[in-house]
Every structure is written in structure tokens, then in C-alpha cells.
Amino acid sequence: MISGVHQFSLLERVVYGRPVANVLPEEVERSGARRVFVISTQSLASSAPLLEIKGSLGPRFAGAFTAVRAHAPRGWVLAGA
């Protein structure tokens, strides 16, 4: 017999097929968030997509932590907090 526990994440939605810079402001508005803090890997630190995200959020952009290793281990996410 196999036994175990699987806990689903709090992920509510996945939007695909549209540029993130177009979708993110809509999703932020939908969620009622006032500020957004972006967590990403170092590879996106000075990339065009991150700059587009920052621009699309305008004053709602609270900052970014771009030192997370691949697959966002919990410890790296907490380091950004």
C-alpha cells in the first residue's frame, strides 16, 4: 500500500497566451493588491521582461528580489522577504 499526503498550493489561476506585462496589472487589480513584490531568478534580474513588468505595474511595483535559485526553494524565497 502506498500512503502519503499531498497538499495543493494556493494557486488560483494560470493565465497563458498573453504577455505578462499586459496580464499582470489586470490580475493585480482583480486581487485587490496595492503593491507587488517580484521574486525571480538572477537570470531575469536585468532582463527586458522584468523591466516590462516593472513598467506595467507603475507605482504598484514595490521592488524585486532576483537572487532565487532555480525552482524557488523555500529558503531563497524567505531570504527575499
C-alpha atoms as a PDB file:
ATOM      1  CA  MET A   1       0.000   0.000   0.000  1.00  0.00           C
ATOM      2  CA  ILE A   2       1.196   3.488  -0.841  1.00  0.00           C
ATOM      3  CA  SER A   3       0.415   6.209   1.637  1.00  0.00           C
ATOM      4  CA  GLY A   4       1.213   9.895   1.875  1.00  0.00           C
ATOM      5  CA  VAL A   5      -0.122  13.416   1.883  1.00  0.00           C
ATOM      6  CA  HIS A   6      -0.400  15.855  -0.986  1.00  0.00           C
ATOM      7  CA  GLN A   7      -1.157  19.459  -0.200  1.00  0.00           C
ATOM      8  CA  PHE A   8      -2.271  21.594  -3.116  1.00  0.00           C
ATOM      9  CA  SER A   9      -0.780  25.063  -3.395  1.00  0.00           C
ATOM     10  CA  LEU A  10      -2.849  28.201  -3.109  1.00  0.00           C
ATOM     11  CA  LEU A  11      -2.521  28.777  -6.845  1.00  0.00           C
ATOM     12  CA  GLU A  12      -5.861  30.110  -8.051  1.00  0.00           C
ATOM     13  CA  ARG A  13      -5.320  30.838 -11.726  1.00  0.00           C
ATOM     14  CA  VAL A  14      -2.908  30.375 -14.587  1.00  0.00           C
ATOM     15  CA  VAL A  15      -3.133  32.847 -17.458  1.00  0.00           C
ATOM     16  CA  TYR A  16      -1.329  31.897 -20.648  1.00  0.00           C
ATOM     17  CA  GLY A  17      -1.007  33.063 -24.229  1.00  0.00           C
ATOM     18  CA  ARG A  18      -0.693  36.750 -23.333  1.00  0.00           C
ATOM     19  CA  PRO A  19       2.358  38.834 -22.376  1.00  0.00           C
ATOM     20  CA  VAL A  20       2.815  39.076 -18.613  1.00  0.00           C
ATOM     21  CA  ALA A  21       3.162  42.859 -18.782  1.00  0.00           C
ATOM     22  CA  ASN A  22      -0.380  43.020 -20.211  1.00  0.00           C
ATOM     23  CA  VAL A  23      -1.946  40.486 -17.855  1.00  0.00           C
ATOM     24  CA  LEU A  24      -0.289  41.333 -14.551  1.00  0.00           C
ATOM     25  CA  PRO A  25      -1.940  44.739 -13.982  1.00  0.00           C
ATOM     26  CA  GLU A  26      -5.344  43.121 -14.595  1.00  0.00           C
ATOM     27  CA  GLU A  27      -4.604  40.299 -12.153  1.00  0.00           C
ATOM     28  CA  VAL A  28      -3.295  42.703  -9.525  1.00  0.00           C
ATOM     29  CA  GLU A  29      -6.474  44.759  -9.851  1.00  0.00           C
ATOM     30  CA  ARG A  30      -8.618  41.620  -9.664  1.00  0.00           C
ATOM     31  CA  SER A  31      -6.877  40.504  -6.468  1.00  0.00           C
ATOM     32  CA  GLY A  32      -7.180  43.916  -4.827  1.00  0.00           C
ATOM     33  CA  ALA A  33      -3.429  44.161  -4.198  1.00  0.00           C
ATOM     34  CA  ARG A  34      -1.963  47.598  -3.686  1.00  0.00           C
ATOM     35  CA  ARG A  35       1.722  46.692  -4.063  1.00  0.00           C
ATOM     36  CA  VAL A  36       3.606  43.881  -5.841  1.00  0.00           C
ATOM     37  CA  PHE A  37       7.000  42.473  -4.852  1.00  0.00           C
ATOM     38  CA  VAL A  38       8.503  40.321  -7.617  1.00  0.00           C
ATOM     39  CA  ILE A  39      10.613  37.259  -6.779  1.00  0.00           C
ATOM     40  CA  SER A  40      12.647  35.752  -9.627  1.00  0.00           C
ATOM     41  CA  THR A  41      15.911  34.118 -10.545  1.00  0.00           C
ATOM     42  CA  GLN A  42      19.127  36.000 -11.237  1.00  0.00           C
ATOM     43  CA  SER A  43      18.712  35.311 -14.960  1.00  0.00           C
ATOM     44  CA  LEU A  44      15.823  37.804 -15.063  1.00  0.00           C
ATOM     45  CA  ALA A  45      17.498  40.466 -12.920  1.00  0.00           C
ATOM     46  CA  SER A  46      18.234  42.886 -15.750  1.00  0.00           C
ATOM     47  CA  SER A  47      16.075  41.368 -18.449  1.00  0.00           C
ATOM     48  CA  ALA A  48      13.520  43.052 -20.659  1.00  0.00           C
ATOM     49  CA  PRO A  49      10.605  41.037 -19.169  1.00  0.00           C
ATOM     50  CA  LEU A  50      11.359  42.259 -15.641  1.00  0.00           C
ATOM     51  CA  LEU A  51      11.651  45.838 -16.860  1.00  0.00           C
ATOM     52  CA  GLU A  52       8.316  45.433 -18.678  1.00  0.00           C
ATOM     53  CA  ILE A  53       6.710  44.048 -15.527  1.00  0.00           C
ATOM     54  CA  LYS A  54       8.032  46.981 -13.510  1.00  0.00           C
ATOM     55  CA  GLY A  55       6.744  49.428 -16.108  1.00  0.00           C
ATOM     56  CA  SER A  56       3.327  47.808 -16.366  1.00  0.00           C
ATOM     57  CA  LEU A  57       2.815  47.912 -12.597  1.00  0.00           C
ATOM     58  CA  GLY A  58       3.826  51.552 -12.252  1.00  0.00           C
ATOM     59  CA  PRO A  59       3.531  52.760  -8.637  1.00  0.00           C
ATOM     60  CA  ARG A  60       2.281  49.324  -7.533  1.00  0.00           C
ATOM     61  CA  PHE A  61       5.756  47.884  -8.121  1.00  0.00           C
ATOM     62  CA  ALA A  62       7.244  47.562  -4.620  1.00  0.00           C
ATOM     63  CA  GLY A  63      10.566  46.015  -5.642  1.00  0.00           C
ATOM     64  CA  ALA A  64      12.214  42.808  -6.741  1.00  0.00           C
ATOM     65  CA  PHE A  65      14.379  40.083  -5.251  1.00  0.00           C
ATOM     66  CA  THR A  66      16.319  38.377  -8.041  1.00  0.00           C
ATOM     67  CA  ALA A  67      18.679  36.013  -6.228  1.00  0.00           C
ATOM     68  CA  VAL A  68      16.422  32.953  -6.113  1.00  0.00           C
ATOM     69  CA  ARG A  69      17.858  29.680  -7.377  1.00  0.00           C
ATOM     70  CA  ALA A  70      16.020  27.538  -9.903  1.00  0.00           C
ATOM     71  CA  HIS A  71      12.667  26.091  -8.760  1.00  0.00           C
ATOM     72  CA  ALA A  72      12.387  28.706  -5.947  1.00  0.00           C
ATOM     73  CA  PRO A  73      13.492  26.713  -2.886  1.00  0.00           C
ATOM     74  CA  ARG A  74      11.679  27.961   0.206  1.00  0.00           C
ATOM     75  CA  GLY A  75      14.875  29.226   1.844  1.00  0.00           C
ATOM     76  CA  TRP A  76      15.634  31.550  -1.056  1.00  0.00           C
ATOM     77  CA  VAL A  77      12.136  32.941  -1.083  1.00  0.00           C
ATOM     78  CA  LEU A  78      12.394  33.614   2.653  1.00  0.00           C
ATOM     79  CA  ALA A  79      15.754  35.332   2.044  1.00  0.00           C
ATOM     80  CA  GLY A  80      13.952  37.790  -0.206  1.00  0.00           C
ATOM     81  CA  ALA A  81      11.418  38.549   2.488  1.00  0.00           C
END
